N, C-alpha and C. Protein backbone atom coordinates (compact mmCIF):
# COMPACT_ATOMS: atom_id res chain seq x y z
N MET A 1 0.85 -1.16 0.00
CA MET A 1 0.06 0.08 0.00
C MET A 1 0.86 1.23 0.04
N ASN A 2 0.55 2.14 -0.79
CA ASN A 2 1.35 3.35 -0.93
C ASN A 2 1.01 4.31 0.26
N LYS A 3 1.94 5.08 0.62
CA LYS A 3 1.85 5.88 1.84
C LYS A 3 0.54 6.81 1.80
N TYR A 4 0.26 7.33 0.67
CA TYR A 4 -1.01 8.19 0.48
C TYR A 4 -2.18 7.43 0.73
N GLN A 5 -2.19 6.02 0.33
CA GLN A 5 -3.40 5.31 0.57
C GLN A 5 -3.59 5.01 2.03
N THR A 6 -2.49 4.95 2.86
CA THR A 6 -2.63 4.74 4.23
C THR A 6 -3.39 6.05 4.83
N TYR A 7 -2.97 7.25 4.50
CA TYR A 7 -3.71 8.33 4.94
C TYR A 7 -5.10 8.50 4.37
N GLU A 8 -5.36 8.05 3.20
CA GLU A 8 -6.71 7.99 2.69
C GLU A 8 -7.59 7.01 3.43
N THR A 9 -7.04 5.91 3.76
CA THR A 9 -7.74 4.96 4.54
C THR A 9 -8.09 5.53 5.99
N ILE A 10 -7.06 6.12 6.59
CA ILE A 10 -7.42 6.76 7.92
C ILE A 10 -8.52 7.77 7.78
N GLY A 11 -8.40 8.60 6.62
CA GLY A 11 -9.47 9.62 6.48
C GLY A 11 -10.83 8.90 6.24
N THR A 12 -10.90 7.94 5.59
CA THR A 12 -12.17 7.12 5.23
C THR A 12 -12.65 6.59 6.60
N ILE A 13 -11.89 5.87 7.41
CA ILE A 13 -12.21 5.41 8.70
C ILE A 13 -12.74 6.44 9.65
N SER A 14 -12.00 7.51 9.66
CA SER A 14 -12.31 8.69 10.48
C SER A 14 -13.74 9.29 10.04
N TRP A 15 -13.88 9.30 8.74
CA TRP A 15 -15.04 9.89 8.16
C TRP A 15 -16.28 9.05 8.58
N LEU A 16 -16.17 7.69 8.48
CA LEU A 16 -17.32 6.89 8.84
C LEU A 16 -17.55 7.01 10.36
N THR A 17 -16.38 7.11 11.15
CA THR A 17 -16.57 7.17 12.68
C THR A 17 -17.25 8.47 12.96
N MET A 18 -16.90 9.59 12.24
CA MET A 18 -17.49 10.83 12.37
C MET A 18 -19.09 10.65 12.14
N ASP A 19 -19.40 10.03 11.06
CA ASP A 19 -20.86 9.78 10.79
C ASP A 19 -21.55 9.11 11.89
N PHE A 20 -20.85 8.06 12.34
CA PHE A 20 -21.46 7.23 13.56
C PHE A 20 -21.71 7.99 14.70
N CYS A 21 -20.60 8.87 15.00
CA CYS A 21 -20.75 9.68 16.29
C CYS A 21 -21.81 10.77 16.08
N TRP A 22 -21.96 11.38 14.96
CA TRP A 22 -23.00 12.37 14.67
C TRP A 22 -24.44 11.72 14.72
N MET A 23 -24.49 10.55 14.12
CA MET A 23 -25.66 9.80 14.30
C MET A 23 -26.14 9.38 15.57
N SER A 24 -25.17 9.10 16.45
CA SER A 24 -25.47 8.75 17.76
C SER A 24 -25.54 9.83 18.78
N GLY A 25 -25.26 11.10 18.33
CA GLY A 25 -25.34 12.28 19.20
C GLY A 25 -24.08 12.54 19.97
N TYR A 26 -22.93 11.91 19.65
CA TYR A 26 -21.63 12.28 20.33
C TYR A 26 -20.91 13.31 19.63
N MET A 27 -21.42 14.45 19.71
CA MET A 27 -21.07 15.65 18.76
C MET A 27 -19.59 16.04 19.02
N THR A 28 -19.03 16.05 20.26
CA THR A 28 -17.71 16.42 20.53
C THR A 28 -16.87 15.47 19.87
N LEU A 29 -17.05 14.27 20.04
CA LEU A 29 -16.20 13.17 19.36
C LEU A 29 -16.28 13.37 17.78
N ALA A 30 -17.59 13.68 17.37
CA ALA A 30 -17.70 13.79 15.96
C ALA A 30 -16.95 14.85 15.36
N TYR A 31 -16.81 15.95 16.13
CA TYR A 31 -16.00 17.14 15.62
C TYR A 31 -14.62 16.79 15.63
N ILE A 32 -14.00 16.19 16.67
CA ILE A 32 -12.59 15.70 16.75
C ILE A 32 -12.22 14.74 15.57
N VAL A 33 -13.06 13.85 15.39
CA VAL A 33 -12.84 12.87 14.35
C VAL A 33 -13.02 13.46 13.01
N SER A 34 -13.79 14.46 12.79
CA SER A 34 -13.92 15.16 11.51
C SER A 34 -12.64 15.87 11.24
N ILE A 35 -11.98 16.39 12.20
CA ILE A 35 -10.65 17.17 12.06
C ILE A 35 -9.69 16.07 11.61
N ILE A 36 -9.65 14.98 12.22
CA ILE A 36 -8.68 13.83 11.84
C ILE A 36 -8.93 13.40 10.41
N SER A 37 -10.22 13.30 10.07
CA SER A 37 -10.50 12.92 8.68
C SER A 37 -10.06 13.89 7.59
N ILE A 38 -10.38 15.20 7.90
CA ILE A 38 -9.99 16.33 6.97
C ILE A 38 -8.43 16.38 6.84
N LEU A 39 -7.77 16.38 8.02
CA LEU A 39 -6.19 16.31 7.99
C LEU A 39 -5.64 15.20 7.22
N SER A 40 -6.13 13.96 7.50
CA SER A 40 -5.63 12.72 6.96
C SER A 40 -5.87 12.89 5.30
N THR A 41 -7.01 13.35 4.99
CA THR A 41 -7.25 13.37 3.56
C THR A 41 -6.31 14.46 2.92
N ILE A 42 -6.13 15.59 3.55
CA ILE A 42 -5.21 16.57 3.01
C ILE A 42 -3.75 15.98 2.86
N ILE A 43 -3.38 15.29 3.88
CA ILE A 43 -2.03 14.63 3.90
C ILE A 43 -1.96 13.67 2.63
N SER A 44 -3.05 12.84 2.43
CA SER A 44 -3.02 11.84 1.42
C SER A 44 -2.86 12.59 0.02
N ILE A 45 -3.32 13.74 -0.17
CA ILE A 45 -3.24 14.53 -1.36
C ILE A 45 -1.74 14.90 -1.58
N PHE A 46 -1.09 15.37 -0.48
CA PHE A 46 0.23 15.85 -0.42
C PHE A 46 1.26 14.69 -0.68
N LYS A 47 0.82 13.42 -0.08
CA LYS A 47 1.77 12.32 -0.14
C LYS A 47 1.66 11.52 -1.47
N PHE A 48 0.55 11.88 -2.26
CA PHE A 48 0.36 11.17 -3.54
C PHE A 48 1.66 11.59 -4.48
N ASN A 49 2.18 10.60 -4.99
CA ASN A 49 3.42 10.82 -5.81
C ASN A 49 3.31 10.18 -7.20
N GLY A 50 2.08 9.85 -7.53
CA GLY A 50 1.92 9.19 -8.93
C GLY A 50 1.72 10.23 -9.99
N ASN A 51 1.69 9.65 -11.22
CA ASN A 51 1.50 10.53 -12.32
C ASN A 51 0.05 10.70 -12.77
N SER A 52 -0.87 9.91 -12.17
CA SER A 52 -2.25 9.94 -12.49
C SER A 52 -3.03 11.28 -12.12
N LYS A 53 -3.35 11.98 -13.06
CA LYS A 53 -4.03 13.30 -12.76
C LYS A 53 -5.50 12.95 -12.17
N SER A 54 -6.13 11.91 -12.75
CA SER A 54 -7.37 11.64 -12.25
C SER A 54 -7.37 10.99 -10.84
N GLU A 55 -6.34 10.43 -10.37
CA GLU A 55 -6.17 9.91 -9.07
C GLU A 55 -6.10 11.09 -8.11
N LYS A 56 -5.27 12.08 -8.49
CA LYS A 56 -5.13 13.26 -7.65
C LYS A 56 -6.42 14.05 -7.58
N ARG A 57 -6.99 14.15 -8.73
CA ARG A 57 -8.43 14.85 -8.62
C ARG A 57 -9.42 14.11 -7.73
N LEU A 58 -9.42 12.84 -7.72
CA LEU A 58 -10.33 12.09 -6.92
C LEU A 58 -10.02 12.20 -5.42
N LEU A 59 -8.70 12.42 -5.04
CA LEU A 59 -8.31 12.61 -3.66
C LEU A 59 -8.83 13.99 -3.27
N ILE A 60 -8.83 14.90 -4.22
CA ILE A 60 -9.39 16.25 -3.92
C ILE A 60 -10.89 16.25 -3.70
N VAL A 61 -11.53 15.29 -4.49
CA VAL A 61 -13.01 15.15 -4.35
C VAL A 61 -13.23 14.51 -3.07
N SER A 62 -12.46 13.51 -2.65
CA SER A 62 -12.67 12.96 -1.28
C SER A 62 -12.58 13.98 -0.20
N LEU A 63 -11.58 14.91 -0.30
CA LEU A 63 -11.56 16.01 0.67
C LEU A 63 -12.72 16.85 0.55
N MET A 64 -13.20 17.18 -0.51
CA MET A 64 -14.47 17.95 -0.66
C MET A 64 -15.62 17.26 0.02
N TRP A 65 -15.71 15.95 -0.23
CA TRP A 65 -16.81 15.20 0.43
C TRP A 65 -16.87 15.16 1.94
N VAL A 66 -15.65 15.07 2.43
CA VAL A 66 -15.45 15.04 3.92
C VAL A 66 -15.86 16.33 4.44
N PHE A 67 -15.30 17.41 3.73
CA PHE A 67 -15.64 18.78 4.15
C PHE A 67 -17.12 19.11 4.12
N MET A 68 -17.74 18.58 3.04
CA MET A 68 -19.24 18.67 2.81
C MET A 68 -19.95 18.12 3.98
N ASN A 69 -19.41 16.81 4.30
CA ASN A 69 -20.16 16.11 5.38
C ASN A 69 -20.02 16.70 6.77
N THR A 70 -18.77 17.37 6.98
CA THR A 70 -18.54 18.13 8.22
C THR A 70 -19.37 19.42 8.20
N LEU A 71 -19.52 20.14 7.07
CA LEU A 71 -20.40 21.26 7.06
C LEU A 71 -21.80 20.91 7.45
N TRP A 72 -22.27 19.84 6.76
CA TRP A 72 -23.58 19.38 7.04
C TRP A 72 -23.92 19.05 8.47
N MET A 73 -23.02 18.27 9.07
CA MET A 73 -23.08 17.95 10.50
C MET A 73 -23.13 19.17 11.39
N THR A 74 -22.15 20.10 11.15
CA THR A 74 -22.10 21.37 11.81
C THR A 74 -23.37 22.19 11.82
N GLY A 75 -23.75 22.44 10.58
CA GLY A 75 -25.08 23.23 10.31
C GLY A 75 -26.23 22.54 10.91
N GLU A 76 -26.40 21.23 10.92
CA GLU A 76 -27.52 20.50 11.50
C GLU A 76 -27.35 20.71 12.98
N SER A 77 -26.28 20.34 13.63
CA SER A 77 -26.08 20.32 15.11
C SER A 77 -26.26 21.77 15.60
N LEU A 78 -25.85 22.85 14.95
CA LEU A 78 -25.83 24.14 15.39
C LEU A 78 -27.25 24.95 14.97
N SER A 79 -28.06 24.21 14.21
CA SER A 79 -29.30 24.77 13.62
C SER A 79 -28.93 26.11 12.80
N LYS A 80 -27.97 25.97 12.00
CA LYS A 80 -27.59 27.00 11.05
C LYS A 80 -27.86 26.62 9.60
N PRO A 81 -28.92 26.93 9.04
CA PRO A 81 -29.25 26.45 7.64
C PRO A 81 -28.26 26.96 6.69
N TRP A 82 -27.67 28.08 6.82
CA TRP A 82 -26.66 28.65 5.83
C TRP A 82 -25.47 27.69 5.77
N ILE A 83 -25.09 26.96 6.85
CA ILE A 83 -24.10 26.09 6.78
C ILE A 83 -24.37 24.80 6.03
N VAL A 84 -25.69 24.36 6.21
CA VAL A 84 -26.11 23.27 5.47
C VAL A 84 -26.17 23.57 3.95
N THR A 85 -26.64 24.78 3.67
CA THR A 85 -26.57 25.28 2.29
C THR A 85 -25.34 25.27 1.72
N SER A 86 -24.28 25.64 2.44
CA SER A 86 -22.86 25.66 2.07
C SER A 86 -22.38 24.18 1.75
N ALA A 87 -22.86 23.27 2.54
CA ALA A 87 -22.65 21.88 2.41
C ALA A 87 -23.14 21.38 1.06
N LYS A 88 -24.31 21.86 0.71
CA LYS A 88 -25.01 21.38 -0.59
C LYS A 88 -24.23 22.00 -1.73
N PHE A 89 -23.63 23.18 -1.68
CA PHE A 89 -22.81 23.75 -2.65
C PHE A 89 -21.57 23.00 -2.83
N VAL A 90 -20.92 22.63 -1.77
CA VAL A 90 -19.64 21.70 -1.80
C VAL A 90 -20.07 20.38 -2.53
N PHE A 91 -21.18 19.91 -2.21
CA PHE A 91 -21.64 18.60 -2.90
C PHE A 91 -21.69 18.75 -4.42
N VAL A 92 -22.31 19.80 -4.88
CA VAL A 92 -22.55 20.08 -6.19
C VAL A 92 -21.18 20.18 -6.88
N LEU A 93 -20.26 21.01 -6.32
CA LEU A 93 -18.90 21.15 -6.81
C LEU A 93 -18.17 19.78 -6.84
N SER A 94 -18.35 18.94 -5.92
CA SER A 94 -17.57 17.67 -5.82
C SER A 94 -18.16 16.73 -6.98
N MET A 95 -19.48 16.79 -7.18
CA MET A 95 -19.96 15.96 -8.27
C MET A 95 -19.63 16.49 -9.63
N ILE A 96 -19.57 17.83 -9.77
CA ILE A 96 -19.02 18.37 -11.10
C ILE A 96 -17.51 17.95 -11.35
N MET A 97 -16.74 18.00 -10.23
CA MET A 97 -15.36 17.63 -10.38
C MET A 97 -15.17 16.16 -10.70
N THR A 98 -16.06 15.26 -10.04
CA THR A 98 -15.88 13.86 -10.32
C THR A 98 -16.30 13.54 -11.85
N ILE A 99 -17.35 14.22 -12.34
CA ILE A 99 -17.71 14.15 -13.82
C ILE A 99 -16.54 14.57 -14.65
N ILE A 100 -16.00 15.70 -14.30
CA ILE A 100 -14.87 16.30 -15.13
C ILE A 100 -13.81 15.26 -15.11
N THR A 101 -13.46 14.67 -13.89
CA THR A 101 -12.36 13.66 -13.81
C THR A 101 -12.65 12.58 -14.67
N ILE A 102 -13.86 11.97 -14.65
CA ILE A 102 -14.16 10.78 -15.41
C ILE A 102 -13.94 11.13 -16.95
N ILE A 103 -14.48 12.25 -17.35
CA ILE A 103 -14.38 12.63 -18.88
C ILE A 103 -12.88 12.83 -19.14
N THR A 104 -12.15 13.54 -18.38
CA THR A 104 -10.76 13.69 -18.78
C THR A 104 -9.87 12.51 -18.66
N ALA A 105 -10.22 11.65 -17.64
CA ALA A 105 -9.48 10.38 -17.61
C ALA A 105 -9.73 9.46 -18.77
N ARG A 106 -11.00 9.51 -19.27
CA ARG A 106 -11.25 8.67 -20.58
C ARG A 106 -10.40 9.31 -21.71
N LYS A 107 -10.45 10.61 -21.82
CA LYS A 107 -9.71 11.25 -22.97
C LYS A 107 -8.22 10.94 -22.94
N GLU A 108 -7.67 10.87 -21.69
CA GLU A 108 -6.23 10.67 -21.39
C GLU A 108 -5.94 9.16 -21.37
N LYS A 109 -6.97 8.31 -21.46
CA LYS A 109 -6.84 6.93 -21.39
C LYS A 109 -6.27 6.38 -19.99
N GLU A 110 -6.65 7.12 -18.93
CA GLU A 110 -6.30 6.73 -17.60
C GLU A 110 -7.29 5.82 -16.92
N THR A 111 -6.97 4.99 -16.10
CA THR A 111 -7.94 4.06 -15.40
C THR A 111 -8.30 4.85 -14.15
N ILE A 112 -9.60 4.76 -13.85
CA ILE A 112 -10.19 5.53 -12.69
C ILE A 112 -10.46 4.46 -11.62
N ASP A 113 -9.95 4.58 -10.40
CA ASP A 113 -10.00 3.68 -9.38
C ASP A 113 -10.62 4.35 -8.06
N PHE A 114 -11.95 4.06 -7.82
CA PHE A 114 -12.46 4.74 -6.68
C PHE A 114 -12.18 3.86 -5.50
N LYS A 115 -11.09 4.16 -4.80
CA LYS A 115 -10.58 3.33 -3.72
C LYS A 115 -11.49 3.34 -2.53
N ARG A 116 -12.11 4.50 -2.29
CA ARG A 116 -13.02 4.55 -1.14
C ARG A 116 -14.07 3.61 -1.10
N PHE A 117 -14.35 3.04 -2.12
CA PHE A 117 -15.38 1.91 -2.31
C PHE A 117 -14.87 0.67 -1.98
N LYS A 118 -13.55 0.45 -1.92
CA LYS A 118 -12.92 -0.79 -1.65
C LYS A 118 -12.50 -0.90 -0.20
N VAL A 119 -12.64 0.10 0.62
CA VAL A 119 -12.16 0.03 1.92
C VAL A 119 -13.10 -0.91 2.83
């Protein structure tokens, strides 16, 4: 496993743990784990040393997704609709970036590997 994949896996596990804590009402722990998830995902982007542009873009999409989820959790728990709206905006941006990544990867004949779905 590449070093960036280790951080990506830590980010994914932290993200799932954050969702569980949020769902269970353990908000302090959810916020702590969300920070771990965001930081781990950022580190995975910087540790990526491959040539695949699509892989790097998908790591950025993963960061956007974790950030979106954190905004949603924060907005909902603080009863701040504008934060939830911000989360929806980040979601739309992440979907657009995913579509662009798929299109450009096909044009560049790159293989797209959604690792998060393999954890």
